Amino acid sequence: MTDTITPEVGKTYLTRDGRKARCICTDMRGGEYPVVCLVGKGGSEGVVTHTMDGRYRATRAVADLDLVSEAPRTVTVNVWVEL
């Protein structure tokens, strides 16, 4: 996988198949998948674990649930112009 990321708690990422994944933990004990994300599926979320570089599987195989980018944020800006 060439597009690895370093997940951070509190940020939202996109999976390879386009789902939003909210990172809630990066220090889970007990294995090679310390990153915990809540991944959207329909109208709910499921718990998915990842490696420290955002991979769903520890092997180098590409998976749909790999984290590939930070999700874009929507920002609203109000501009007032006095005429």
C-alpha atoms as a PDB file:
ATOM      1  CA  MET A   1       0.000   0.000   0.000  1.00  0.00           C
ATOM      2  CA  THR A   2       1.608   3.265  -1.049  1.00  0.00           C
ATOM      3  CA  ASP A   3      -0.876   5.743   0.417  1.00  0.00           C
ATOM      4  CA  THR A   4      -0.447   5.050   4.134  1.00  0.00           C
ATOM      5  CA  ILE A   5      -1.447   7.569   6.772  1.00  0.00           C
ATOM      6  CA  THR A   6      -0.866   8.032  10.488  1.00  0.00           C
ATOM      7  CA  PRO A   7      -4.289   8.109  12.178  1.00  0.00           C
ATOM      8  CA  GLU A   8      -4.922  10.659  14.919  1.00  0.00           C
ATOM      9  CA  VAL A   9      -7.628  10.538  17.594  1.00  0.00           C
ATOM     10  CA  GLY A  10     -10.511  12.902  16.875  1.00  0.00           C
ATOM     11  CA  LYS A  11      -9.985  13.038  13.117  1.00  0.00           C
ATOM     12  CA  THR A  12     -12.222  11.535  10.453  1.00  0.00           C
ATOM     13  CA  TYR A  13     -10.766   9.552   7.567  1.00  0.00           C
ATOM     14  CA  LEU A  14     -12.046   7.896   4.414  1.00  0.00           C
ATOM     15  CA  THR A  15     -11.673   4.203   3.765  1.00  0.00           C
ATOM     16  CA  ARG A  16     -10.568   2.896   0.394  1.00  0.00           C
ATOM     17  CA  ASP A  17     -14.242   2.175  -0.450  1.00  0.00           C
ATOM     18  CA  GLY A  18     -15.374   5.704   0.533  1.00  0.00           C
ATOM     19  CA  ARG A  19     -16.813   5.208   4.027  1.00  0.00           C
ATOM     20  CA  LYS A  20     -16.157   7.714   6.815  1.00  0.00           C
ATOM     21  CA  ALA A  21     -14.089   6.402   9.728  1.00  0.00           C
ATOM     22  CA  ARG A  22     -13.857   8.327  13.020  1.00  0.00           C
ATOM     23  CA  CYS A  23     -10.635   7.542  14.888  1.00  0.00           C
ATOM     24  CA  ILE A  24     -11.350   7.088  18.615  1.00  0.00           C
ATOM     25  CA  CYS A  25      -8.167   5.392  19.877  1.00  0.00           C
ATOM     26  CA  THR A  26      -4.579   4.825  18.735  1.00  0.00           C
ATOM     27  CA  ASP A  27      -3.201   2.960  21.754  1.00  0.00           C
ATOM     28  CA  MET A  28      -5.372  -0.125  22.217  1.00  0.00           C
ATOM     29  CA  ARG A  29      -3.402  -2.834  24.001  1.00  0.00           C
ATOM     30  CA  GLY A  30      -2.943  -6.392  22.880  1.00  0.00           C
ATOM     31  CA  GLY A  31      -1.830  -6.751  19.301  1.00  0.00           C
ATOM     32  CA  GLU A  32      -0.820  -5.269  15.997  1.00  0.00           C
ATOM     33  CA  TYR A  33      -4.102  -3.338  15.508  1.00  0.00           C
ATOM     34  CA  PRO A  34      -3.959  -0.494  18.077  1.00  0.00           C
ATOM     35  CA  VAL A  35      -6.032   2.006  16.048  1.00  0.00           C
ATOM     36  CA  VAL A  36      -9.786   1.861  16.719  1.00  0.00           C
ATOM     37  CA  CYS A  37     -12.221   3.592  14.354  1.00  0.00           C
ATOM     38  CA  LEU A  38     -15.982   3.841  14.071  1.00  0.00           C
ATOM     39  CA  VAL A  39     -16.729   3.153  10.407  1.00  0.00           C
ATOM     40  CA  GLY A  40     -20.017   4.180   8.825  1.00  0.00           C
ATOM     41  CA  LYS A  41     -22.233   1.508   7.327  1.00  0.00           C
ATOM     42  CA  GLY A  42     -25.659   2.647   6.218  1.00  0.00           C
ATOM     43  CA  GLY A  43     -27.204   4.613   9.078  1.00  0.00           C
ATOM     44  CA  SER A  44     -24.980   3.124  11.782  1.00  0.00           C
ATOM     45  CA  GLU A  45     -21.305   2.639  12.659  1.00  0.00           C
ATOM     46  CA  GLY A  46     -19.223  -0.434  13.397  1.00  0.00           C
ATOM     47  CA  VAL A  47     -15.966  -0.807  15.307  1.00  0.00           C
ATOM     48  CA  VAL A  48     -12.973  -1.573  13.080  1.00  0.00           C
ATOM     49  CA  THR A  49      -9.318  -1.863  14.107  1.00  0.00           C
ATOM     50  CA  HIS A  50      -6.294  -0.861  12.025  1.00  0.00           C
ATOM     51  CA  THR A  51      -2.503  -0.932  12.172  1.00  0.00           C
ATOM     52  CA  MET A  52      -0.608   2.256  13.057  1.00  0.00           C
ATOM     53  CA  ASP A  53      -0.299   3.116   9.352  1.00  0.00           C
ATOM     54  CA  GLY A  54      -4.032   2.760   8.665  1.00  0.00           C
ATOM     55  CA  ARG A  55      -4.077  -0.742   7.190  1.00  0.00           C
ATOM     56  CA  TYR A  56      -7.045  -3.040   7.878  1.00  0.00           C
ATOM     57  CA  ARG A  57      -4.844  -6.118   7.494  1.00  0.00           C
ATOM     58  CA  ALA A  58      -1.283  -6.403   8.785  1.00  0.00           C
ATOM     59  CA  THR A  59      -0.262  -8.030   5.499  1.00  0.00           C
ATOM     60  CA  ARG A  60       0.539  -5.722   2.616  1.00  0.00           C
ATOM     61  CA  ALA A  61      -2.697  -6.741   0.853  1.00  0.00           C
ATOM     62  CA  VAL A  62      -4.962  -3.853  -0.134  1.00  0.00           C
ATOM     63  CA  ALA A  63      -8.372  -3.888   1.621  1.00  0.00           C
ATOM     64  CA  ASP A  64     -11.572  -1.820   1.244  1.00  0.00           C
ATOM     65  CA  LEU A  65     -11.357  -0.767   4.915  1.00  0.00           C
ATOM     66  CA  ASP A  66      -7.814   0.663   4.688  1.00  0.00           C
ATOM     67  CA  LEU A  67      -7.686   4.321   5.770  1.00  0.00           C
ATOM     68  CA  VAL A  68      -6.522   6.298   2.749  1.00  0.00           C
ATOM     69  CA  SER A  69      -7.088   9.999   3.426  1.00  0.00           C
ATOM     70  CA  GLU A  70      -8.429  12.502   5.883  1.00  0.00           C
ATOM     71  CA  ALA A  71     -12.096  13.235   5.178  1.00  0.00           C
ATOM     72  CA  PRO A  72     -12.787  16.718   3.834  1.00  0.00           C
ATOM     73  CA  ARG A  73     -14.414  19.066   6.335  1.00  0.00           C
ATOM     74  CA  THR A  74     -17.216  21.462   5.517  1.00  0.00           C
ATOM     75  CA  VAL A  75     -16.594  24.973   6.759  1.00  0.00           C
ATOM     76  CA  THR A  76     -19.234  27.700   6.685  1.00  0.00           C
ATOM     77  CA  VAL A  77     -18.034  31.272   6.393  1.00  0.00           C
ATOM     78  CA  ASN A  78     -20.354  34.253   6.743  1.00  0.00           C
ATOM     79  CA  VAL A  79     -19.215  37.372   4.925  1.00  0.00           C
ATOM     80  CA  TRP A  80     -20.887  40.710   5.476  1.00  0.00           C
ATOM     81  CA  VAL A  81     -20.379  43.502   2.974  1.00  0.00           C
ATOM     82  CA  GLU A  82     -21.507  47.005   3.833  1.00  0.00           C
ATOM     83  CA  LEU A  83     -22.812  48.859   0.821  1.00  0.00           C
END
